[in-house]
Amino acid sequence: LAVGVTFALLPGVNIFAAIGLIGAITFLLSALGIKIGNVFGAK
């Protein structure tokens, strides 16, 4: 949320590209995190 406020203050930020990228990366890393946690633990 705070980063979104920052985006509004910076020139040249395409908010839709930004939120799409943030959502997609978080989706992938969250799914990967479930697998890593289940296999390797909290390391």
Full PDB file with SEQRES, HELIX, SHEET, SSBOND, CRYST1, ORIGX, SCALE, CONECT and MASTER records, all heavy atoms in Angstrom:
SEQRES   1 A   43  LEU ALA VAL GLY VAL THR PHE ALA LEU LEU PRO GLY VAL          
SEQRES   2 A   43  ASN ILE PHE ALA ALA ILE GLY LEU ILE GLY ALA ILE THR          
SEQRES   3 A   43  PHE LEU LEU SER ALA LEU GLY ILE LYS ILE GLY ASN VAL          
SEQRES   4 A   43  PHE GLY ALA LYS                                              
HELIX    1 AA1 ALA A    2  LEU A    9  1                                   8    
HELIX    2 AA2 ILE A   15  PHE A   40  1                                  26    
CRYST1    1.000    1.000    1.000  90.00  90.00  90.00 P 1           1          
ORIGX1      1.000000  0.000000  0.000000        0.00000                         
ORIGX2      0.000000  1.000000  0.000000        0.00000                         
ORIGX3      0.000000  0.000000  1.000000        0.00000                         
SCALE1      1.000000  0.000000  0.000000        0.00000                         
SCALE2      0.000000  1.000000  0.000000        0.00000                         
SCALE3      0.000000  0.000000  1.000000        0.00000                         
ATOM      1  N   LEU A   1       0.847  -1.202   0.000  1.00  0.00           N  
ATOM      2  CA  LEU A   1       0.000   0.000   0.000  1.00  0.00           C  
ATOM      3  C   LEU A   1       0.879   1.247   0.000  1.00  0.00           C  
ATOM      4  O   LEU A   1       0.661   2.182  -0.781  1.00  0.00           O  
ATOM      5  CB  LEU A   1      -0.924  -0.009   1.220  1.00  0.00           C  
ATOM      6  CG  LEU A   1      -1.866   1.177   1.368  1.00  0.00           C  
ATOM      7  CD1 LEU A   1      -2.990   1.098   0.358  1.00  0.00           C  
ATOM      8  CD2 LEU A   1      -2.436   1.210   2.779  1.00  0.00           C  
ATOM      9  N   ALA A   2       1.883   1.258   0.858  1.00  0.00           N  
ATOM     10  CA  ALA A   2       2.798   2.393   0.926  1.00  0.00           C  
ATOM     11  C   ALA A   2       3.588   2.550  -0.374  1.00  0.00           C  
ATOM     12  O   ALA A   2       3.828   3.673  -0.831  1.00  0.00           O  
ATOM     13  CB  ALA A   2       3.740   2.230   2.109  1.00  0.00           C  
ATOM     14  N   VAL A   3       3.972   1.447  -0.986  1.00  0.00           N  
ATOM     15  CA  VAL A   3       4.683   1.515  -2.261  1.00  0.00           C  
ATOM     16  C   VAL A   3       3.762   2.089  -3.333  1.00  0.00           C  
ATOM     17  O   VAL A   3       4.202   2.860  -4.196  1.00  0.00           O  
ATOM     18  CB  VAL A   3       5.247   0.135  -2.660  1.00  0.00           C  
ATOM     19  CG1 VAL A   3       5.752   0.126  -4.091  1.00  0.00           C  
ATOM     20  CG2 VAL A   3       6.360  -0.261  -1.705  1.00  0.00           C  
ATOM     21  N   GLY A   4       2.482   1.769  -3.280  1.00  0.00           N  
ATOM     22  CA  GLY A   4       1.520   2.349  -4.217  1.00  0.00           C  
ATOM     23  C   GLY A   4       1.443   3.861  -4.088  1.00  0.00           C  
ATOM     24  O   GLY A   4       1.359   4.579  -5.095  1.00  0.00           O  
ATOM     25  N   VAL A   5       1.486   4.361  -2.863  1.00  0.00           N  
ATOM     26  CA  VAL A   5       1.525   5.811  -2.643  1.00  0.00           C  
ATOM     27  C   VAL A   5       2.785   6.370  -3.297  1.00  0.00           C  
ATOM     28  O   VAL A   5       2.754   7.405  -3.976  1.00  0.00           O  
ATOM     29  CB  VAL A   5       1.487   6.155  -1.135  1.00  0.00           C  
ATOM     30  CG1 VAL A   5       1.746   7.636  -0.900  1.00  0.00           C  
ATOM     31  CG2 VAL A   5       0.144   5.751  -0.532  1.00  0.00           C  
ATOM     32  N   THR A   6       3.893   5.692  -3.120  1.00  0.00           N  
ATOM     33  CA  THR A   6       5.153   6.113  -3.723  1.00  0.00           C  
ATOM     34  C   THR A   6       5.050   6.138  -5.242  1.00  0.00           C  
ATOM     35  O   THR A   6       5.527   7.074  -5.888  1.00  0.00           O  
ATOM     36  CB  THR A   6       6.294   5.159  -3.289  1.00  0.00           C  
ATOM     37  OG1 THR A   6       6.366   5.139  -1.867  1.00  0.00           O  
ATOM     38  CG2 THR A   6       7.619   5.587  -3.868  1.00  0.00           C  
ATOM     39  N   PHE A   7       4.425   5.132  -5.832  1.00  0.00           N  
ATOM     40  CA  PHE A   7       4.247   5.100  -7.286  1.00  0.00           C  
ATOM     41  C   PHE A   7       3.513   6.343  -7.789  1.00  0.00           C  
ATOM     42  O   PHE A   7       3.819   6.853  -8.861  1.00  0.00           O  
ATOM     43  CB  PHE A   7       3.475   3.848  -7.724  1.00  0.00           C  
ATOM     44  CG  PHE A   7       4.272   2.574  -7.704  1.00  0.00           C  
ATOM     45  CD1 PHE A   7       3.613   1.356  -7.666  1.00  0.00           C  
ATOM     46  CD2 PHE A   7       5.653   2.572  -7.745  1.00  0.00           C  
ATOM     47  CE1 PHE A   7       4.320   0.157  -7.672  1.00  0.00           C  
ATOM     48  CE2 PHE A   7       6.373   1.379  -7.740  1.00  0.00           C  
ATOM     49  CZ  PHE A   7       5.706   0.174  -7.706  1.00  0.00           C  
ATOM     50  N   ALA A   8       2.537   6.807  -7.043  1.00  0.00           N  
ATOM     51  CA  ALA A   8       1.775   7.980  -7.456  1.00  0.00           C  
ATOM     52  C   ALA A   8       2.642   9.231  -7.458  1.00  0.00           C  
ATOM     53  O   ALA A   8       2.355  10.189  -8.182  1.00  0.00           O  
ATOM     54  CB  ALA A   8       0.572   8.176  -6.537  1.00  0.00           C  
ATOM     55  N   LEU A   9       3.690   9.239  -6.680  1.00  0.00           N  
ATOM     56  CA  LEU A   9       4.553  10.407  -6.552  1.00  0.00           C  
ATOM     57  C   LEU A   9       5.718  10.395  -7.532  1.00  0.00           C  
ATOM     58  O   LEU A   9       6.411  11.401  -7.673  1.00  0.00           O  
ATOM     59  CB  LEU A   9       5.100  10.500  -5.123  1.00  0.00           C  
ATOM     60  CG  LEU A   9       4.054  10.522  -4.008  1.00  0.00           C  
ATOM     61  CD1 LEU A   9       4.730  10.494  -2.647  1.00  0.00           C  
ATOM     62  CD2 LEU A   9       3.144  11.728  -4.146  1.00  0.00           C  
ATOM     63  N   LEU A  10       5.935   9.278  -8.203  1.00  0.00           N  
ATOM     64  CA  LEU A  10       7.058   9.157  -9.123  1.00  0.00           C  
ATOM     65  C   LEU A  10       6.589   9.321 -10.565  1.00  0.00           C  
ATOM     66  O   LEU A  10       5.517   8.828 -10.928  1.00  0.00           O  
ATOM     67  CB  LEU A  10       7.732   7.794  -8.962  1.00  0.00           C  
ATOM     68  CG  LEU A  10       8.351   7.504  -7.604  1.00  0.00           C  
ATOM     69  CD1 LEU A  10       8.844   6.063  -7.550  1.00  0.00           C  
ATOM     70  CD2 LEU A  10       9.491   8.468  -7.332  1.00  0.00           C  
ATOM     71  N   PRO A  11       7.400   9.982 -11.386  1.00  0.00           N  
ATOM     72  CA  PRO A  11       7.010  10.131 -12.793  1.00  0.00           C  
ATOM     73  C   PRO A  11       7.220   8.832 -13.569  1.00  0.00           C  
ATOM     74  O   PRO A  11       8.122   8.055 -13.276  1.00  0.00           O  
ATOM     75  CB  PRO A  11       7.965  11.221 -13.298  1.00  0.00           C  
ATOM     76  CG  PRO A  11       9.161  11.128 -12.405  1.00  0.00           C  
ATOM     77  CD  PRO A  11       8.641  10.666 -11.065  1.00  0.00           C  
ATOM     78  N   GLY A  12       6.368   8.604 -14.541  1.00  0.00           N  
ATOM     79  CA  GLY A  12       6.567   7.495 -15.465  1.00  0.00           C  
ATOM     80  C   GLY A  12       6.255   6.114 -14.934  1.00  0.00           C  
ATOM     81  O   GLY A  12       6.769   5.136 -15.470  1.00  0.00           O  
ATOM     82  N   VAL A  13       5.432   5.992 -13.915  1.00  0.00           N  
ATOM     83  CA  VAL A  13       5.076   4.670 -13.405  1.00  0.00           C  
ATOM     84  C   VAL A  13       3.766   4.227 -14.065  1.00  0.00           C  
ATOM     85  O   VAL A  13       2.746   4.897 -13.952  1.00  0.00           O  
ATOM     86  CB  VAL A  13       4.903   4.677 -11.868  1.00  0.00           C  
ATOM     87  CG1 VAL A  13       4.416   3.319 -11.386  1.00  0.00           C  
ATOM     88  CG2 VAL A  13       6.205   5.045 -11.191  1.00  0.00           C  
ATOM     89  N   ASN A  14       3.813   3.113 -14.759  1.00  0.00           N  
ATOM     90  CA  ASN A  14       2.610   2.507 -15.315  1.00  0.00           C  
ATOM     91  C   ASN A  14       2.040   1.608 -14.218  1.00  0.00           C  
ATOM     92  O   ASN A  14       2.532   0.497 -13.998  1.00  0.00           O  
ATOM     93  CB  ASN A  14       2.947   1.711 -16.574  1.00  0.00           C  
ATOM     94  CG  ASN A  14       1.739   1.035 -17.180  1.00  0.00           C  
ATOM     95  OD1 ASN A  14       0.730   0.775 -16.514  1.00  0.00           O  
ATOM     96  ND2 ASN A  14       1.840   0.732 -18.454  1.00  0.00           N  
ATOM     97  N   ILE A  15       1.018   2.090 -13.525  1.00  0.00           N  
ATOM     98  CA  ILE A  15       0.503   1.389 -12.347  1.00  0.00           C  
ATOM     99  C   ILE A  15      -0.031   0.005 -12.700  1.00  0.00           C  
ATOM    100  O   ILE A  15       0.122  -0.937 -11.920  1.00  0.00           O  
ATOM    101  CB  ILE A  15      -0.553   2.235 -11.591  1.00  0.00           C  
ATOM    102  CG1 ILE A  15      -0.915   1.578 -10.245  1.00  0.00           C  
ATOM    103  CG2 ILE A  15      -1.777   2.478 -12.434  1.00  0.00           C  
ATOM    104  CD1 ILE A  15       0.207   1.425  -9.277  1.00  0.00           C  
ATOM    105  N   PHE A  16      -0.616  -0.144 -13.869  1.00  0.00           N  
ATOM    106  CA  PHE A  16      -1.181  -1.440 -14.227  1.00  0.00           C  
ATOM    107  C   PHE A  16      -0.094  -2.466 -14.526  1.00  0.00           C  
ATOM    108  O   PHE A  16      -0.212  -3.635 -14.158  1.00  0.00           O  
ATOM    109  CB  PHE A  16      -2.175  -1.299 -15.378  1.00  0.00           C  
ATOM    110  CG  PHE A  16      -3.350  -0.448 -14.981  1.00  0.00           C  
ATOM    111  CD1 PHE A  16      -3.501   0.826 -15.492  1.00  0.00           C  
ATOM    112  CD2 PHE A  16      -4.268  -0.904 -14.045  1.00  0.00           C  
ATOM    113  CE1 PHE A  16      -4.566   1.623 -15.091  1.00  0.00           C  
ATOM    114  CE2 PHE A  16      -5.335  -0.120 -13.641  1.00  0.00           C  
ATOM    115  CZ  PHE A  16      -5.481   1.151 -14.170  1.00  0.00           C  
ATOM    116  N   ALA A  17       0.984  -2.033 -15.164  1.00  0.00           N  
ATOM    117  CA  ALA A  17       2.125  -2.934 -15.366  1.00  0.00           C  
ATOM    118  C   ALA A  17       2.749  -3.274 -14.016  1.00  0.00           C  
ATOM    119  O   ALA A  17       3.123  -4.427 -13.769  1.00  0.00           O  
ATOM    120  CB  ALA A  17       3.156  -2.282 -16.282  1.00  0.00           C  
ATOM    121  N   ALA A  18       2.850  -2.283 -13.137  1.00  0.00           N  
ATOM    122  CA  ALA A  18       3.456  -2.496 -11.820  1.00  0.00           C  
ATOM    123  C   ALA A  18       2.651  -3.496 -10.995  1.00  0.00           C  
ATOM    124  O   ALA A  18       3.215  -4.443 -10.443  1.00  0.00           O  
ATOM    125  CB  ALA A  18       3.586  -1.169 -11.071  1.00  0.00           C  
ATOM    126  N   ILE A  19       1.330  -3.302 -10.918  1.00  0.00           N  
ATOM    127  CA  ILE A  19       0.539  -4.213 -10.088  1.00  0.00           C  
ATOM    128  C   ILE A  19       0.457  -5.605 -10.703  1.00  0.00           C  
ATOM    129  O   ILE A  19       0.414  -6.602  -9.997  1.00  0.00           O  
ATOM    130  CB  ILE A  19      -0.865  -3.662  -9.752  1.00  0.00           C  
ATOM    131  CG1 ILE A  19      -1.726  -3.495 -10.999  1.00  0.00           C  
ATOM    132  CG2 ILE A  19      -0.759  -2.371  -8.963  1.00  0.00           C  
ATOM    133  CD1 ILE A  19      -3.165  -3.125 -10.725  1.00  0.00           C  
ATOM    134  N   GLY A  20       0.472  -5.666 -12.032  1.00  0.00           N  
ATOM    135  CA  GLY A  20       0.482  -6.982 -12.687  1.00  0.00           C  
ATOM    136  C   GLY A  20       1.762  -7.743 -12.376  1.00  0.00           C  
ATOM    137  O   GLY A  20       1.730  -8.935 -12.057  1.00  0.00           O  
ATOM    138  N   LEU A  21       2.881  -7.039 -12.449  1.00  0.00           N  
ATOM    139  CA  LEU A  21       4.169  -7.668 -12.157  1.00  0.00           C  
ATOM    140  C   LEU A  21       4.272  -8.050 -10.686  1.00  0.00           C  
ATOM    141  O   LEU A  21       4.700  -9.164 -10.357  1.00  0.00           O  
ATOM    142  CB  LEU A  21       5.302  -6.712 -12.545  1.00  0.00           C  
ATOM    143  CG  LEU A  21       6.705  -7.277 -12.528  1.00  0.00           C  
ATOM    144  CD1 LEU A  21       6.845  -8.454 -13.499  1.00  0.00           C  
ATOM    145  CD2 LEU A  21       7.710  -6.193 -12.881  1.00  0.00           C  
ATOM    146  N   ILE A  22       3.866  -7.158  -9.796  1.00  0.00           N  
ATOM    147  CA  ILE A  22       3.908  -7.442  -8.358  1.00  0.00           C  
ATOM    148  C   ILE A  22       3.026  -8.647  -8.028  1.00  0.00           C  
ATOM    149  O   ILE A  22       3.436  -9.554  -7.303  1.00  0.00           O  
ATOM    150  CB  ILE A  22       3.486  -6.206  -7.535  1.00  0.00           C  
ATOM    151  CG1 ILE A  22       4.558  -5.116  -7.637  1.00  0.00           C  
ATOM    152  CG2 ILE A  22       3.222  -6.575  -6.074  1.00  0.00           C  
ATOM    153  CD1 ILE A  22       4.110  -3.753  -7.115  1.00  0.00           C  
ATOM    154  N   GLY A  23       1.819  -8.665  -8.567  1.00  0.00           N  
ATOM    155  CA  GLY A  23       0.901  -9.779  -8.308  1.00  0.00           C  
ATOM    156  C   GLY A  23       1.427 -11.099  -8.849  1.00  0.00           C  
ATOM    157  O   GLY A  23       1.378 -12.131  -8.171  1.00  0.00           O  
ATOM    158  N   ALA A  24       1.957 -11.073 -10.074  1.00  0.00           N  
ATOM    159  CA  ALA A  24       2.450 -12.307 -10.701  1.00  0.00           C  
ATOM    160  C   ALA A  24       3.678 -12.860  -9.964  1.00  0.00           C  
ATOM    161  O   ALA A  24       3.755 -14.059  -9.686  1.00  0.00           O  
ATOM    162  CB  ALA A  24       2.787 -12.054 -12.172  1.00  0.00           C  
ATOM    163  N   ILE A  25       4.613 -11.989  -9.643  1.00  0.00           N  
ATOM    164  CA  ILE A  25       5.831 -12.442  -8.942  1.00  0.00           C  
ATOM    165  C   ILE A  25       5.461 -12.986  -7.563  1.00  0.00           C  
ATOM    166  O   ILE A  25       5.976 -14.033  -7.143  1.00  0.00           O  
ATOM    167  CB  ILE A  25       6.841 -11.286  -8.818  1.00  0.00           C  
ATOM    168  CG1 ILE A  25       7.262 -10.853 -10.194  1.00  0.00           C  
ATOM    169  CG2 ILE A  25       7.987 -11.633  -7.892  1.00  0.00           C  
ATOM    170  CD1 ILE A  25       8.670 -11.023 -10.596  1.00  0.00           C  
ATOM    171  N   THR A  26       4.577 -12.278  -6.865  1.00  0.00           N  
ATOM    172  CA  THR A  26       4.181 -12.744  -5.535  1.00  0.00           C  
ATOM    173  C   THR A  26       3.439 -14.072  -5.630  1.00  0.00           C  
ATOM    174  O   THR A  26       3.656 -14.958  -4.807  1.00  0.00           O  
ATOM    175  CB  THR A  26       3.323 -11.685  -4.816  1.00  0.00           C  
ATOM    176  OG1 THR A  26       4.045 -10.455  -4.769  1.00  0.00           O  
ATOM    177  CG2 THR A  26       2.973 -12.122  -3.407  1.00  0.00           C  
ATOM    178  N   PHE A  27       2.573 -14.217  -6.627  1.00  0.00           N  
ATOM    179  CA  PHE A  27       1.870 -15.475  -6.834  1.00  0.00           C  
ATOM    180  C   PHE A  27       2.876 -16.619  -6.982  1.00  0.00           C  
ATOM    181  O   PHE A  27       2.782 -17.636  -6.286  1.00  0.00           O  
ATOM    182  CB  PHE A  27       0.974 -15.390  -8.078  1.00  0.00           C  
ATOM    183  CG  PHE A  27       0.199 -16.644  -8.349  1.00  0.00           C  
ATOM    184  CD1 PHE A  27      -1.110 -16.762  -7.906  1.00  0.00           C  
ATOM    185  CD2 PHE A  27       0.760 -17.714  -9.032  1.00  0.00           C  
ATOM    186  CE1 PHE A  27      -1.837 -17.928  -8.138  1.00  0.00           C  
ATOM    187  CE2 PHE A  27       0.048 -18.881  -9.266  1.00  0.00           C  
ATOM    188  CZ  PHE A  27      -1.256 -18.988  -8.820  1.00  0.00           C  
ATOM    189  N   LEU A  28       3.819 -16.449  -7.883  1.00  0.00           N  
ATOM    190  CA  LEU A  28       4.802 -17.515  -8.151  1.00  0.00           C  
ATOM    191  C   LEU A  28       5.669 -17.810  -6.928  1.00  0.00           C  
ATOM    192  O   LEU A  28       5.881 -18.983  -6.584  1.00  0.00           O  
ATOM    193  CB  LEU A  28       5.681 -17.122  -9.333  1.00  0.00           C  
ATOM    194  CG  LEU A  28       4.987 -17.077 -10.693  1.00  0.00           C  
ATOM    195  CD1 LEU A  28       5.916 -16.482 -11.753  1.00  0.00           C  
ATOM    196  CD2 LEU A  28       4.513 -18.456 -11.102  1.00  0.00           C  
ATOM    197  N   LEU A  29       6.169 -16.759  -6.265  1.00  0.00           N  
ATOM    198  CA  LEU A  29       7.043 -16.983  -5.118  1.00  0.00           C  
ATOM    199  C   LEU A  29       6.284 -17.561  -3.919  1.00  0.00           C  
ATOM    200  O   LEU A  29       6.856 -18.325  -3.142  1.00  0.00           O  
ATOM    201  CB  LEU A  29       7.767 -15.700  -4.735  1.00  0.00           C  
ATOM    202  CG  LEU A  29       8.884 -15.290  -5.700  1.00  0.00           C  
ATOM    203  CD1 LEU A  29       9.523 -13.980  -5.273  1.00  0.00           C  
ATOM    204  CD2 LEU A  29       9.939 -16.378  -5.810  1.00  0.00           C  
ATOM    205  N   SER A  30       5.015 -17.213  -3.784  1.00  0.00           N  
ATOM    206  CA  SER A  30       4.219 -17.781  -2.691  1.00  0.00           C  
ATOM    207  C   SER A  30       3.994 -19.271  -2.905  1.00  0.00           C  
ATOM    208  O   SER A  30       4.129 -20.073  -1.971  1.00  0.00           O  
ATOM    209  CB  SER A  30       2.877 -17.055  -2.569  1.00  0.00           C  
ATOM    210  OG  SER A  30       3.076 -15.712  -2.236  1.00  0.00           O  
ATOM    211  N   ALA A  31       3.658 -19.653  -4.128  1.00  0.00           N  
ATOM    212  CA  ALA A  31       3.481 -21.071  -4.435  1.00  0.00           C  
ATOM    213  C   ALA A  31       4.799 -21.820  -4.236  1.00  0.00           C  
ATOM    214  O   ALA A  31       4.830 -22.904  -3.638  1.00  0.00           O  
ATOM    215  CB  ALA A  31       2.977 -21.236  -5.871  1.00  0.00           C  
ATOM    216  N   LEU A  32       5.887 -21.220  -4.694  1.00  0.00           N  
ATOM    217  CA  LEU A  32       7.206 -21.821  -4.512  1.00  0.00           C  
ATOM    218  C   LEU A  32       7.575 -21.906  -3.026  1.00  0.00           C  
ATOM    219  O   LEU A  32       8.143 -22.902  -2.578  1.00  0.00           O  
ATOM    220  CB  LEU A  32       8.257 -20.996  -5.263  1.00  0.00           C  
ATOM    221  CG  LEU A  32       9.690 -21.504  -5.205  1.00  0.00           C  
ATOM    222  CD1 LEU A  32       9.810 -22.873  -5.874  1.00  0.00           C  
ATOM    223  CD2 LEU A  32      10.619 -20.498  -5.866  1.00  0.00           C  
ATOM    224  N   GLY A  33       7.201 -20.892  -2.254  1.00  0.00           N  
ATOM    225  CA  GLY A  33       7.471 -20.888  -0.816  1.00  0.00           C  
ATOM    226  C   GLY A  33       6.797 -22.041  -0.099  1.00  0.00           C  
ATOM    227  O   GLY A  33       7.373 -22.637   0.822  1.00  0.00           O  
ATOM    228  N   ILE A  34       5.569 -22.358  -0.504  1.00  0.00           N  
ATOM    229  CA  ILE A  34       4.866 -23.511   0.092  1.00  0.00           C  
ATOM    230  C   ILE A  34       5.684 -24.777  -0.137  1.00  0.00           C  
ATOM    231  O   ILE A  34       5.914 -25.567   0.778  1.00  0.00           O  
ATOM    232  CB  ILE A  34       3.449 -23.670  -0.511  1.00  0.00           C  
ATOM    233  CG1 ILE A  34       2.569 -22.459  -0.192  1.00  0.00           C  
ATOM    234  CG2 ILE A  34       2.797 -24.970  -0.056  1.00  0.00           C  
ATOM    235  CD1 ILE A  34       2.199 -22.286   1.246  1.00  0.00           C  
ATOM    236  N   LYS A  35       6.153 -24.963  -1.360  1.00  0.00           N  
ATOM    237  CA  LYS A  35       6.937 -26.155  -1.700  1.00  0.00           C  
ATOM    238  C   LYS A  35       8.262 -26.177  -0.939  1.00  0.00           C  
ATOM    239  O   LYS A  35       8.630 -27.198  -0.351  1.00  0.00           O  
ATOM    240  CB  LYS A  35       7.189 -26.192  -3.218  1.00  0.00           C  
ATOM    241  CG  LYS A  35       7.970 -27.395  -3.670  1.00  0.00           C  
ATOM    242  CD  LYS A  35       7.172 -28.664  -3.486  1.00  0.00           C  
ATOM    243  CE  LYS A  35       7.902 -29.848  -4.085  1.00  0.00           C  
ATOM    244  NZ  LYS A  35       7.236 -31.101  -3.753  1.00  0.00           N  
ATOM    245  N   ILE A  36       8.967 -25.054  -0.945  1.00  0.00           N  
ATOM    246  CA  ILE A  36      10.261 -24.986  -0.254  1.00  0.00           C  
ATOM    247  C   ILE A  36      10.087 -25.249   1.235  1.00  0.00           C  
ATOM    248  O   ILE A  36      10.860 -26.005   1.830  1.00  0.00           O  
ATOM    249  CB  ILE A  36      10.937 -23.623  -0.501  1.00  0.00           C  
ATOM    250  CG1 ILE A  36      11.414 -23.535  -1.949  1.00  0.00           C  
ATOM    251  CG2 ILE A  36      12.105 -23.405   0.465  1.00  0.00           C  
ATOM    252  CD1 ILE A  36      11.915 -22.167  -2.355  1.00  0.00           C  
ATOM    253  N   GLY A  37       9.085 -24.626   1.834  1.00  0.00           N  
ATOM    254  CA  GLY A  37       8.840 -24.836   3.262  1.00  0.00           C  
ATOM    255  C   GLY A  37       8.538 -26.279   3.577  1.00  0.00           C  
ATOM    256  O   GLY A  37       9.011 -26.817   4.577  1.00  0.00           O  
ATOM    257  N   ASN A  38       7.762 -26.913   2.724  1.00  0.00           N  
ATOM    258  CA  ASN A  38       7.401 -28.302   2.947  1.00  0.00           C  
ATOM    259  C   ASN A  38       8.590 -29.233   2.777  1.00  0.00           C  
ATOM    260  O   ASN A  38       8.704 -30.234   3.472  1.00  0.00           O  
ATOM    261  CB  ASN A  38       6.257 -28.694   2.008  1.00  0.00           C  
ATOM    262  CG  ASN A  38       5.598 -29.976   2.412  1.00  0.00           C  
ATOM    263  OD1 ASN A  38       5.744 -30.984   1.744  1.00  0.00           O  
ATOM    264  ND2 ASN A  38       4.875 -29.940   3.517  1.00  0.00           N  
ATOM    265  N   VAL A  39       9.509 -28.878   1.880  1.00  0.00           N  
ATOM    266  CA  VAL A  39      10.663 -29.737   1.624  1.00  0.00           C  
ATOM    267  C   VAL A  39      11.849 -29.410   2.534  1.00  0.00           C  
ATOM    268  O   VAL A  39      12.454 -30.297   3.121  1.00  0.00           O  
ATOM    269  CB  VAL A  39      11.095 -29.631   0.135  1.00  0.00           C  
ATOM    270  CG1 VAL A  39      12.392 -30.373  -0.115  1.00  0.00           C  
ATOM    271  CG2 VAL A  39      10.002 -30.167  -0.769  1.00  0.00           C  
ATOM    272  N   PHE A  40      12.164 -28.119   2.663  1.00  0.00           N  
ATOM    273  CA  PHE A  40      13.395 -27.727   3.350  1.00  0.00           C  
ATOM    274  C   PHE A  40      13.211 -27.122   4.736  1.00  0.00           C  
ATOM    275  O   PHE A  40      14.180 -26.960   5.459  1.00  0.00           O  
ATOM    276  CB  PHE A  40      14.167 -26.712   2.512  1.00  0.00           C  
ATOM    277  CG  PHE A  40      14.625 -27.247   1.206  1.00  0.00           C  
ATOM    278  CD1 PHE A  40      14.028 -26.835   0.027  1.00  0.00           C  
ATOM    279  CD2 PHE A  40      15.637 -28.181   1.136  1.00  0.00           C  
ATOM    280  CE1 PHE A  40      14.437 -27.326  -1.190  1.00  0.00           C  
ATOM    281  CE2 PHE A  40      16.060 -28.683  -0.080  1.00  0.00           C  
ATOM    282  CZ  PHE A  40      15.452 -28.254  -1.249  1.00  0.00           C  
ATOM    283  N   GLY A  41      12.013 -26.713   5.080  1.00  0.00           N  
ATOM    284  CA  GLY A  41      11.806 -26.087   6.382  1.00  0.00           C  
ATOM    285  C   GLY A  41      12.043 -24.595   6.359  1.00  0.00           C  
ATOM    286  O   GLY A  41      12.074 -23.973   5.307  1.00  0.00           O  
ATOM    287  N   ALA A  42      12.240 -24.005   7.526  1.00  0.00           N  
ATOM    288  CA  ALA A  42      12.306 -22.559   7.695  1.00  0.00           C  
ATOM    289  C   ALA A  42      13.692 -21.967   7.451  1.00  0.00           C  
ATOM    290  O   ALA A  42      13.938 -20.815   7.767  1.00  0.00           O  
ATOM    291  CB  ALA A  42      11.827 -22.194   9.096  1.00  0.00           C  
ATOM    292  N   LYS A  43      14.577 -22.727   6.860  1.00  0.00           N  
ATOM    293  CA  LYS A  43      15.965 -22.292   6.673  1.00  0.00           C  
ATOM    294  C   LYS A  43      16.090 -20.976   5.901  1.00  0.00           C  
ATOM    295  O   LYS A  43      16.966 -20.170   6.180  1.00  0.00           O  
ATOM    296  CB  LYS A  43      16.729 -23.393   5.947  1.00  0.00           C  
ATOM    297  CG  LYS A  43      18.177 -23.107   5.694  1.00  0.00           C  
ATOM    298  CD  LYS A  43      18.837 -24.280   4.995  1.00  0.00           C  
ATOM    299  CE  LYS A  43      20.286 -23.986   4.701  1.00  0.00           C  
ATOM    300  NZ  LYS A  43      20.922 -25.084   3.988  1.00  0.00           N  
TER     301      LYS A  43                                                      
MASTER        0    0    0    2    0    0    0    6  300    1    0    4          
END                                                                             
